All heavy atoms as atom14 arrays in JSON, in Angstrom:
{
  "sequence": "PEVATYAPDFTKGEYGWDLAEVLVQRLYDGDAKALVATLGRHGMLN",
  "atom14_mask": [
    [1, 1, 1, 1, 1, 1, 1, 0, 0, 0, 0, 0, 0, 0],
    [1, 1, 1, 1, 1, 1, 1, 1, 1, 0, 0, 0, 0, 0],
    [1, 1, 1, 1, 1, 1, 1, 0, 0, 0, 0, 0, 0, 0],
    [1, 1, 1, 1, 1, 0, 0, 0, 0, 0, 0, 0, 0, 0],
    [1, 1, 1, 1, 1, 1, 1, 0, 0, 0, 0, 0, 0, 0],
    [1, 1, 1, 1, 1, 1, 1, 1, 1, 1, 1, 1, 0, 0],
    [1, 1, 1, 1, 1, 0, 0, 0, 0, 0, 0, 0, 0, 0],
    [1, 1, 1, 1, 1, 1, 1, 0, 0, 0, 0, 0, 0, 0],
    [1, 1, 1, 1, 1, 1, 1, 1, 0, 0, 0, 0, 0, 0],
    [1, 1, 1, 1, 1, 1, 1, 1, 1, 1, 1, 0, 0, 0],
    [1, 1, 1, 1, 1, 1, 1, 0, 0, 0, 0, 0, 0, 0],
    [1, 1, 1, 1, 1, 1, 1, 1, 1, 0, 0, 0, 0, 0],
    [1, 1, 1, 1, 0, 0, 0, 0, 0, 0, 0, 0, 0, 0],
    [1, 1, 1, 1, 1, 1, 1, 1, 1, 0, 0, 0, 0, 0],
    [1, 1, 1, 1, 1, 1, 1, 1, 1, 1, 1, 1, 0, 0],
    [1, 1, 1, 1, 0, 0, 0, 0, 0, 0, 0, 0, 0, 0],
    [1, 1, 1, 1, 1, 1, 1, 1, 1, 1, 1, 1, 1, 1],
    [1, 1, 1, 1, 1, 1, 1, 1, 0, 0, 0, 0, 0, 0],
    [1, 1, 1, 1, 1, 1, 1, 1, 0, 0, 0, 0, 0, 0],
    [1, 1, 1, 1, 1, 0, 0, 0, 0, 0, 0, 0, 0, 0],
    [1, 1, 1, 1, 1, 1, 1, 1, 1, 0, 0, 0, 0, 0],
    [1, 1, 1, 1, 1, 1, 1, 0, 0, 0, 0, 0, 0, 0],
    [1, 1, 1, 1, 1, 1, 1, 1, 0, 0, 0, 0, 0, 0],
    [1, 1, 1, 1, 1, 1, 1, 0, 0, 0, 0, 0, 0, 0],
    [1, 1, 1, 1, 1, 1, 1, 1, 1, 0, 0, 0, 0, 0],
    [1, 1, 1, 1, 1, 1, 1, 1, 1, 1, 1, 0, 0, 0],
    [1, 1, 1, 1, 1, 1, 1, 1, 0, 0, 0, 0, 0, 0],
    [1, 1, 1, 1, 1, 1, 1, 1, 1, 1, 1, 1, 0, 0],
    [1, 1, 1, 1, 1, 1, 1, 1, 0, 0, 0, 0, 0, 0],
    [1, 1, 1, 1, 0, 0, 0, 0, 0, 0, 0, 0, 0, 0],
    [1, 1, 1, 1, 1, 1, 1, 1, 0, 0, 0, 0, 0, 0],
    [1, 1, 1, 1, 1, 0, 0, 0, 0, 0, 0, 0, 0, 0],
    [1, 1, 1, 1, 1, 1, 1, 1, 1, 0, 0, 0, 0, 0],
    [1, 1, 1, 1, 1, 0, 0, 0, 0, 0, 0, 0, 0, 0],
    [1, 1, 1, 1, 1, 1, 1, 1, 0, 0, 0, 0, 0, 0],
    [1, 1, 1, 1, 1, 1, 1, 0, 0, 0, 0, 0, 0, 0],
    [1, 1, 1, 1, 1, 0, 0, 0, 0, 0, 0, 0, 0, 0],
    [1, 1, 1, 1, 1, 1, 1, 0, 0, 0, 0, 0, 0, 0],
    [1, 1, 1, 1, 1, 1, 1, 1, 0, 0, 0, 0, 0, 0],
    [1, 1, 1, 1, 0, 0, 0, 0, 0, 0, 0, 0, 0, 0],
    [1, 1, 1, 1, 1, 1, 1, 1, 1, 1, 1, 0, 0, 0],
    [1, 1, 1, 1, 1, 1, 1, 1, 1, 1, 0, 0, 0, 0],
    [1, 1, 1, 1, 0, 0, 0, 0, 0, 0, 0, 0, 0, 0],
    [1, 1, 1, 1, 1, 1, 1, 1, 0, 0, 0, 0, 0, 0],
    [1, 1, 1, 1, 1, 1, 1, 1, 0, 0, 0, 0, 0, 0],
    [1, 1, 1, 1, 1, 1, 1, 1, 0, 0, 0, 0, 0, 0]
  ],
  "atom14_positions": [
    [[-16.84, -22.53, -19.69], [-17.37, -23.78, -20.24], [-16.21, -24.57, -20.89], [-16.17, -25.82, -20.78], [-18.4, -23.4, -21.24], [-17.93, -22.04, -21.77], [-17.2, -21.39, -20.61], [0.0, 0.0, 0.0], [0.0, 0.0, 0.0], [0.0, 0.0, 0.0], [0.0, 0.0, 0.0], [0.0, 0.0, 0.0], [0.0, 0.0, 0.0], [0.0, 0.0, 0.0]],
    [[-15.33, -23.97, -21.72], [-14.38, -24.74, -22.48], [-12.89, -24.51, -22.03], [-12.08, -25.48, -22.02], [-14.44, -24.43, -23.99], [-15.82, -24.83, -24.55], [-16.0, -24.33, -25.95], [-14.94, -24.0, -26.6], [-17.12, -24.26, -26.48], [0.0, 0.0, 0.0], [0.0, 0.0, 0.0], [0.0, 0.0, 0.0], [0.0, 0.0, 0.0], [0.0, 0.0, 0.0]],
    [[-12.61, -23.31, -21.7], [-11.24, -22.97, -21.36], [-11.13, -22.19, -20.02], [-12.06, -21.35, -19.77], [-10.55, -22.17, -22.46], [-11.2, -20.83, -22.65], [-9.06, -22.11, -22.27], [0.0, 0.0, 0.0], [0.0, 0.0, 0.0], [0.0, 0.0, 0.0], [0.0, 0.0, 0.0], [0.0, 0.0, 0.0], [0.0, 0.0, 0.0], [0.0, 0.0, 0.0]],
    [[-10.19, -22.46, -19.23], [-10.08, -21.81, -17.9], [-9.74, -20.34, -18.06], [-8.96, -19.93, -18.96], [-9.03, -22.49, -17.09], [0.0, 0.0, 0.0], [0.0, 0.0, 0.0], [0.0, 0.0, 0.0], [0.0, 0.0, 0.0], [0.0, 0.0, 0.0], [0.0, 0.0, 0.0], [0.0, 0.0, 0.0], [0.0, 0.0, 0.0], [0.0, 0.0, 0.0]],
    [[-10.38, -19.48, -17.27], [-10.02, -18.09, -17.23], [-9.61, -17.75, -15.82], [-10.02, -18.41, -14.85], [-11.23, -17.19, -17.65], [-12.33, -17.45, -16.82], [-11.53, -17.42, -19.12], [0.0, 0.0, 0.0], [0.0, 0.0, 0.0], [0.0, 0.0, 0.0], [0.0, 0.0, 0.0], [0.0, 0.0, 0.0], [0.0, 0.0, 0.0], [0.0, 0.0, 0.0]],
    [[-8.8, -16.73, -15.67], [-8.23, -16.3, -14.39], [-8.64, -14.84, -14.13], [-8.57, -14.01, -15.0], [-6.72, -16.43, -14.42], [-6.28, -17.86, -14.67], [-6.14, -18.37, -15.96], [-5.92, -18.7, -13.58], [-5.77, -19.7, -16.17], [-5.57, -20.01, -13.8], [-5.43, -20.48, -15.08], [-5.09, -21.77, -15.3], [0.0, 0.0, 0.0], [0.0, 0.0, 0.0]],
    [[-8.97, -14.64, -12.87], [-9.32, -13.25, -12.41], [-8.75, -13.03, -11.06], [-8.56, -13.97, -10.27], [-10.84, -13.1, -12.37], [0.0, 0.0, 0.0], [0.0, 0.0, 0.0], [0.0, 0.0, 0.0], [0.0, 0.0, 0.0], [0.0, 0.0, 0.0], [0.0, 0.0, 0.0], [0.0, 0.0, 0.0], [0.0, 0.0, 0.0], [0.0, 0.0, 0.0]],
    [[-8.35, -11.81, -10.74], [-7.82, -11.54, -9.4], [-8.89, -11.66, -8.3], [-10.06, -11.41, -8.58], [-7.37, -10.09, -9.47], [-8.12, -9.51, -10.61], [-8.45, -10.59, -11.52], [0.0, 0.0, 0.0], [0.0, 0.0, 0.0], [0.0, 0.0, 0.0], [0.0, 0.0, 0.0], [0.0, 0.0, 0.0], [0.0, 0.0, 0.0], [0.0, 0.0, 0.0]],
    [[-8.46, -12.19, -7.15], [-9.44, -12.35, -6.06], [-9.49, -11.07, -5.14], [-10.33, -11.03, -4.26], [-9.03, -13.58, -5.16], [-10.21, -13.94, -4.21], [-11.37, -13.86, -4.62], [-9.87, -14.27, -3.06], [0.0, 0.0, 0.0], [0.0, 0.0, 0.0], [0.0, 0.0, 0.0], [0.0, 0.0, 0.0], [0.0, 0.0, 0.0], [0.0, 0.0, 0.0]],
    [[-8.67, -10.13, -5.42], [-8.71, -8.8, -4.7], [-8.24, -7.72, -5.72], [-7.56, -7.97, -6.67], [-7.82, -8.9, -3.46], [-6.45, -9.45, -3.71], [-5.4, -8.67, -4.15], [-6.21, -10.79, -3.42], [-4.15, -9.19, -4.32], [-4.93, -11.29, -3.61], [-3.92, -10.51, -4.02], [0.0, 0.0, 0.0], [0.0, 0.0, 0.0], [0.0, 0.0, 0.0]],
    [[-8.66, -6.54, -5.41], [-8.36, -5.43, -6.29], [-6.92, -4.87, -6.01], [-6.31, -5.15, -4.94], [-9.35, -4.22, -6.05], [-9.11, -3.71, -4.75], [-10.74, -4.67, -6.3], [0.0, 0.0, 0.0], [0.0, 0.0, 0.0], [0.0, 0.0, 0.0], [0.0, 0.0, 0.0], [0.0, 0.0, 0.0], [0.0, 0.0, 0.0], [0.0, 0.0, 0.0]],
    [[-6.44, -4.14, -6.96], [-5.15, -3.5, -6.74], [-5.2, -2.54, -5.59], [-4.21, -2.44, -4.78], [-4.77, -2.69, -8.06], [-3.33, -2.23, -8.05], [-3.03, -1.59, -9.42], [-1.6, -1.17, -9.48], [-1.2, -0.71, -10.85], [0.0, 0.0, 0.0], [0.0, 0.0, 0.0], [0.0, 0.0, 0.0], [0.0, 0.0, 0.0], [0.0, 0.0, 0.0]],
    [[-6.3, -1.82, -5.41], [-6.47, -0.96, -4.31], [-6.43, -1.67, -2.94], [-5.82, -1.15, -1.96], [0.0, 0.0, 0.0], [0.0, 0.0, 0.0], [0.0, 0.0, 0.0], [0.0, 0.0, 0.0], [0.0, 0.0, 0.0], [0.0, 0.0, 0.0], [0.0, 0.0, 0.0], [0.0, 0.0, 0.0], [0.0, 0.0, 0.0], [0.0, 0.0, 0.0]],
    [[-7.04, -2.86, -2.84], [-7.03, -3.66, -1.65], [-5.56, -4.11, -1.35], [-5.14, -4.06, -0.19], [-7.91, -4.86, -1.79], [-9.38, -4.52, -1.76], [-10.29, -5.66, -2.11], [-9.86, -6.56, -2.9], [-11.47, -5.65, -1.69], [0.0, 0.0, 0.0], [0.0, 0.0, 0.0], [0.0, 0.0, 0.0], [0.0, 0.0, 0.0], [0.0, 0.0, 0.0]],
    [[-4.85, -4.52, -2.39], [-3.49, -4.97, -2.18], [-2.64, -3.76, -1.73], [-1.81, -3.89, -0.9], [-2.94, -5.6, -3.43], [-1.6, -6.33, -3.21], [-1.5, -7.39, -2.32], [-0.5, -5.86, -3.82], [-0.3, -8.0, -2.08], [0.78, -6.47, -3.61], [0.89, -7.53, -2.72], [2.08, -8.15, -2.47], [0.0, 0.0, 0.0], [0.0, 0.0, 0.0]],
    [[-2.86, -2.63, -2.39], [-2.06, -1.41, -1.99], [-2.35, -1.06, -0.57], [-1.4, -0.67, 0.16], [0.0, 0.0, 0.0], [0.0, 0.0, 0.0], [0.0, 0.0, 0.0], [0.0, 0.0, 0.0], [0.0, 0.0, 0.0], [0.0, 0.0, 0.0], [0.0, 0.0, 0.0], [0.0, 0.0, 0.0], [0.0, 0.0, 0.0], [0.0, 0.0, 0.0]],
    [[-3.57, -1.16, -0.12], [-3.89, -0.88, 1.23], [-3.14, -1.81, 2.2], [-2.55, -1.42, 3.23], [-5.41, -0.91, 1.56], [-5.69, -0.92, 3.06], [-6.23, -1.93, 3.7], [-5.35, 0.12, 3.94], [-6.35, -1.62, 5.06], [-5.8, -0.36, 5.26], [-4.82, 1.33, 3.9], [-5.69, 0.4, 6.38], [-4.65, 2.05, 5.08], [-5.09, 1.65, 6.28]],
    [[-3.17, -3.12, 1.85], [-2.46, -4.12, 2.64], [-0.97, -3.71, 2.79], [-0.42, -3.74, 3.92], [-2.54, -5.49, 2.02], [-3.91, -6.13, 2.04], [-4.77, -5.61, 2.84], [-4.15, -7.08, 1.28], [0.0, 0.0, 0.0], [0.0, 0.0, 0.0], [0.0, 0.0, 0.0], [0.0, 0.0, 0.0], [0.0, 0.0, 0.0], [0.0, 0.0, 0.0]],
    [[-0.34, -3.39, 1.73], [1.07, -2.97, 1.78], [1.3, -1.76, 2.58], [2.24, -1.63, 3.38], [1.63, -2.84, 0.39], [1.71, -4.07, -0.49], [2.21, -3.71, -1.91], [2.58, -5.13, 0.16], [0.0, 0.0, 0.0], [0.0, 0.0, 0.0], [0.0, 0.0, 0.0], [0.0, 0.0, 0.0], [0.0, 0.0, 0.0], [0.0, 0.0, 0.0]],
    [[0.47, -0.76, 2.34], [0.6, 0.5, 3.08], [0.39, 0.32, 4.59], [1.18, 0.91, 5.35], [-0.46, 1.52, 2.55], [0.0, 0.0, 0.0], [0.0, 0.0, 0.0], [0.0, 0.0, 0.0], [0.0, 0.0, 0.0], [0.0, 0.0, 0.0], [0.0, 0.0, 0.0], [0.0, 0.0, 0.0], [0.0, 0.0, 0.0], [0.0, 0.0, 0.0]],
    [[-0.61, -0.44, 4.98], [-0.85, -0.68, 6.39], [0.36, -1.4, 7.08], [0.82, -0.98, 8.14], [-2.12, -1.5, 6.53], [-2.47, -1.63, 8.01], [-3.8, -2.36, 8.27], [-4.21, -3.12, 7.38], [-4.39, -2.14, 9.32], [0.0, 0.0, 0.0], [0.0, 0.0, 0.0], [0.0, 0.0, 0.0], [0.0, 0.0, 0.0], [0.0, 0.0, 0.0]],
    [[0.9, -2.4, 6.31], [2.06, -3.07, 6.91], [3.26, -2.18, 7.04], [3.98, -2.14, 8.03], [2.44, -4.34, 6.02], [3.81, -4.89, 6.4], [1.36, -5.37, 6.16], [0.0, 0.0, 0.0], [0.0, 0.0, 0.0], [0.0, 0.0, 0.0], [0.0, 0.0, 0.0], [0.0, 0.0, 0.0], [0.0, 0.0, 0.0], [0.0, 0.0, 0.0]],
    [[3.48, -1.31, 5.98], [4.58, -0.35, 6.02], [4.49, 0.59, 7.16], [5.4, 0.8, 7.95], [4.6, 0.44, 4.73], [5.67, 1.52, 4.58], [7.05, 0.95, 4.56], [5.4, 2.39, 3.36], [0.0, 0.0, 0.0], [0.0, 0.0, 0.0], [0.0, 0.0, 0.0], [0.0, 0.0, 0.0], [0.0, 0.0, 0.0], [0.0, 0.0, 0.0]],
    [[3.27, 1.17, 7.4], [3.04, 2.14, 8.5], [3.24, 1.4, 9.83], [3.88, 1.94, 10.72], [1.68, 2.76, 8.39], [1.34, 3.55, 9.6], [1.63, 3.7, 7.14], [0.0, 0.0, 0.0], [0.0, 0.0, 0.0], [0.0, 0.0, 0.0], [0.0, 0.0, 0.0], [0.0, 0.0, 0.0], [0.0, 0.0, 0.0], [0.0, 0.0, 0.0]],
    [[2.69, 0.19, 9.95], [2.77, -0.5, 11.25], [4.2, -0.93, 11.53], [4.74, -0.7, 12.69], [1.84, -1.72, 11.25], [0.38, -1.4, 11.24], [-0.02, -0.57, 12.44], [0.46, -0.75, 13.53], [-0.91, 0.34, 12.23], [0.0, 0.0, 0.0], [0.0, 0.0, 0.0], [0.0, 0.0, 0.0], [0.0, 0.0, 0.0], [0.0, 0.0, 0.0]],
    [[4.89, -1.49, 10.57], [6.19, -2.03, 10.83], [7.33, -0.97, 10.93], [8.19, -1.09, 11.82], [6.6, -3.04, 9.74], [5.82, -4.33, 9.83], [6.35, -5.32, 8.85], [5.54, -6.57, 8.89], [5.65, -7.56, 7.99], [6.57, -7.51, 7.03], [4.91, -8.61, 8.12], [0.0, 0.0, 0.0], [0.0, 0.0, 0.0], [0.0, 0.0, 0.0]],
    [[7.31, -0.01, 10.03], [8.39, 0.93, 10.0], [8.17, 2.2, 10.78], [9.07, 2.91, 11.17], [8.78, 1.3, 8.56], [9.35, 0.11, 7.76], [9.69, 0.56, 6.33], [10.63, -0.43, 8.38], [0.0, 0.0, 0.0], [0.0, 0.0, 0.0], [0.0, 0.0, 0.0], [0.0, 0.0, 0.0], [0.0, 0.0, 0.0], [0.0, 0.0, 0.0]],
    [[6.91, 2.57, 10.91], [6.5, 3.85, 11.54], [5.7, 3.67, 12.81], [5.07, 4.63, 13.28], [5.82, 4.73, 10.53], [6.73, 5.13, 9.38], [6.69, 4.43, 8.23], [7.68, 6.16, 9.49], [7.55, 4.7, 7.14], [8.52, 6.46, 8.47], [8.42, 5.75, 7.26], [9.28, 6.05, 6.2], [0.0, 0.0, 0.0], [0.0, 0.0, 0.0]],
    [[5.69, 2.46, 13.35], [4.94, 2.18, 14.59], [3.51, 2.73, 14.6], [3.02, 3.27, 15.56], [5.72, 2.8, 15.81], [7.03, 2.12, 16.05], [7.13, 0.92, 15.79], [8.01, 2.83, 16.38], [0.0, 0.0, 0.0], [0.0, 0.0, 0.0], [0.0, 0.0, 0.0], [0.0, 0.0, 0.0], [0.0, 0.0, 0.0], [0.0, 0.0, 0.0]],
    [[2.89, 2.58, 13.38], [1.49, 3.0, 13.27], [1.28, 4.47, 13.02], [0.17, 4.94, 12.95], [0.0, 0.0, 0.0], [0.0, 0.0, 0.0], [0.0, 0.0, 0.0], [0.0, 0.0, 0.0], [0.0, 0.0, 0.0], [0.0, 0.0, 0.0], [0.0, 0.0, 0.0], [0.0, 0.0, 0.0], [0.0, 0.0, 0.0], [0.0, 0.0, 0.0]],
    [[2.36, 5.23, 12.93], [2.28, 6.66, 12.72], [2.3, 7.05, 11.26], [3.39, 7.26, 10.71], [3.4, 7.39, 13.49], [3.35, 8.88, 13.43], [2.43, 9.47, 12.84], [4.25, 9.54, 14.01], [0.0, 0.0, 0.0], [0.0, 0.0, 0.0], [0.0, 0.0, 0.0], [0.0, 0.0, 0.0], [0.0, 0.0, 0.0], [0.0, 0.0, 0.0]],
    [[1.13, 7.18, 10.66], [1.08, 7.49, 9.2], [1.69, 8.89, 8.93], [2.23, 9.13, 7.82], [-0.4, 7.42, 8.74], [0.0, 0.0, 0.0], [0.0, 0.0, 0.0], [0.0, 0.0, 0.0], [0.0, 0.0, 0.0], [0.0, 0.0, 0.0], [0.0, 0.0, 0.0], [0.0, 0.0, 0.0], [0.0, 0.0, 0.0], [0.0, 0.0, 0.0]],
    [[1.57, 9.82, 9.88], [2.13, 11.1, 9.62], [3.65, 11.07, 9.45], [4.21, 11.78, 8.65], [1.84, 12.06, 10.84], [0.39, 12.41, 10.95], [0.13, 13.4, 12.12], [0.53, 12.86, 13.48], [-0.13, 11.72, 14.03], [0.0, 0.0, 0.0], [0.0, 0.0, 0.0], [0.0, 0.0, 0.0], [0.0, 0.0, 0.0], [0.0, 0.0, 0.0]],
    [[4.32, 10.13, 10.09], [5.73, 9.92, 9.95], [6.09, 9.46, 8.49], [7.04, 9.93, 7.94], [6.31, 8.96, 10.96], [0.0, 0.0, 0.0], [0.0, 0.0, 0.0], [0.0, 0.0, 0.0], [0.0, 0.0, 0.0], [0.0, 0.0, 0.0], [0.0, 0.0, 0.0], [0.0, 0.0, 0.0], [0.0, 0.0, 0.0], [0.0, 0.0, 0.0]],
    [[5.2, 8.61, 7.97], [5.41, 8.21, 6.55], [5.27, 9.39, 5.63], [6.09, 9.63, 4.78], [4.46, 7.1, 6.19], [4.33, 6.73, 4.72], [5.78, 6.22, 4.22], [3.3, 5.71, 4.44], [0.0, 0.0, 0.0], [0.0, 0.0, 0.0], [0.0, 0.0, 0.0], [0.0, 0.0, 0.0], [0.0, 0.0, 0.0], [0.0, 0.0, 0.0]],
    [[4.22, 10.18, 5.83], [3.96, 11.33, 4.99], [5.15, 12.3, 5.09], [5.58, 12.87, 4.07], [2.65, 12.02, 5.35], [2.44, 13.33, 4.6], [1.48, 11.04, 5.05], [0.0, 0.0, 0.0], [0.0, 0.0, 0.0], [0.0, 0.0, 0.0], [0.0, 0.0, 0.0], [0.0, 0.0, 0.0], [0.0, 0.0, 0.0], [0.0, 0.0, 0.0]],
    [[5.67, 12.53, 6.33], [6.81, 13.43, 6.52], [7.99, 12.89, 5.76], [8.78, 13.7, 5.13], [7.08, 13.57, 8.0], [0.0, 0.0, 0.0], [0.0, 0.0, 0.0], [0.0, 0.0, 0.0], [0.0, 0.0, 0.0], [0.0, 0.0, 0.0], [0.0, 0.0, 0.0], [0.0, 0.0, 0.0], [0.0, 0.0, 0.0], [0.0, 0.0, 0.0]],
    [[8.25, 11.58, 5.78], [9.36, 11.01, 5.0], [9.2, 11.23, 3.54], [10.11, 11.59, 2.82], [9.45, 9.49, 5.3], [9.65, 9.38, 6.75], [10.61, 8.82, 4.57], [0.0, 0.0, 0.0], [0.0, 0.0, 0.0], [0.0, 0.0, 0.0], [0.0, 0.0, 0.0], [0.0, 0.0, 0.0], [0.0, 0.0, 0.0], [0.0, 0.0, 0.0]],
    [[7.97, 11.09, 3.02], [7.66, 11.26, 1.58], [7.97, 12.71, 1.23], [8.56, 13.03, 0.18], [6.26, 10.91, 1.23], [5.86, 9.42, 1.37], [4.4, 9.23, 1.24], [6.71, 8.61, 0.42], [0.0, 0.0, 0.0], [0.0, 0.0, 0.0], [0.0, 0.0, 0.0], [0.0, 0.0, 0.0], [0.0, 0.0, 0.0], [0.0, 0.0, 0.0]],
    [[7.59, 13.65, 2.12], [7.86, 15.11, 1.86], [9.37, 15.39, 1.86], [9.86, 16.06, 1.02], [0.0, 0.0, 0.0], [0.0, 0.0, 0.0], [0.0, 0.0, 0.0], [0.0, 0.0, 0.0], [0.0, 0.0, 0.0], [0.0, 0.0, 0.0], [0.0, 0.0, 0.0], [0.0, 0.0, 0.0], [0.0, 0.0, 0.0], [0.0, 0.0, 0.0]],
    [[10.05, 14.85, 2.87], [11.53, 15.09, 3.0], [12.26, 14.62, 1.71], [13.29, 15.18, 1.38], [12.08, 14.45, 4.18], [11.93, 15.26, 5.49], [12.79, 14.73, 6.59], [12.55, 13.34, 6.92], [11.54, 12.93, 7.73], [10.73, 13.73, 8.26], [11.42, 11.6, 7.97], [0.0, 0.0, 0.0], [0.0, 0.0, 0.0], [0.0, 0.0, 0.0]],
    [[11.78, 13.58, 1.1], [12.45, 13.0, -0.05], [11.8, 13.46, -1.35], [12.09, 12.87, -2.41], [12.45, 11.46, 0.09], [13.31, 11.02, 1.21], [14.67, 10.88, 1.08], [13.06, 10.68, 2.49], [15.2, 10.49, 2.26], [14.15, 10.34, 3.16], [0.0, 0.0, 0.0], [0.0, 0.0, 0.0], [0.0, 0.0, 0.0], [0.0, 0.0, 0.0]],
    [[11.07, 14.47, -1.31], [10.55, 15.08, -2.6], [9.42, 14.42, -3.29], [9.15, 14.67, -4.43], [0.0, 0.0, 0.0], [0.0, 0.0, 0.0], [0.0, 0.0, 0.0], [0.0, 0.0, 0.0], [0.0, 0.0, 0.0], [0.0, 0.0, 0.0], [0.0, 0.0, 0.0], [0.0, 0.0, 0.0], [0.0, 0.0, 0.0], [0.0, 0.0, 0.0]],
    [[8.82, 13.43, -2.57], [7.7, 12.76, -3.22], [6.36, 13.48, -3.01], [5.34, 13.08, -3.71], [7.67, 11.27, -2.73], [8.91, 10.47, -3.18], [8.71, 8.7, -2.78], [7.72, 8.16, -4.1], [0.0, 0.0, 0.0], [0.0, 0.0, 0.0], [0.0, 0.0, 0.0], [0.0, 0.0, 0.0], [0.0, 0.0, 0.0], [0.0, 0.0, 0.0]],
    [[6.28, 14.31, -2.06], [5.14, 15.16, -1.8], [5.56, 16.59, -1.64], [6.6, 16.88, -0.99], [4.37, 14.72, -0.54], [3.63, 13.39, -0.54], [3.11, 13.11, 0.88], [2.45, 13.44, -1.52], [0.0, 0.0, 0.0], [0.0, 0.0, 0.0], [0.0, 0.0, 0.0], [0.0, 0.0, 0.0], [0.0, 0.0, 0.0], [0.0, 0.0, 0.0]],
    [[4.83, 17.54, -2.26], [5.11, 18.93, -2.02], [3.92, 19.63, -1.4], [2.94, 18.93, -1.08], [5.55, 19.65, -3.31], [4.45, 19.54, -4.4], [3.24, 19.57, -4.05], [4.79, 19.34, -5.63], [0.0, 0.0, 0.0], [0.0, 0.0, 0.0], [0.0, 0.0, 0.0], [0.0, 0.0, 0.0], [0.0, 0.0, 0.0], [0.0, 0.0, 0.0]]
  ]
}
């Protein structure tokens, strides 16, 4: 009513999914397993 407020139009999870999907499609030709393997090789997953 008196002062403008701001809210996100999408969730952090939705944005994270967007980024993840682009990463898998662009760098790994749609192969999510290749991304997971890369994460494992670099110590981000055990």
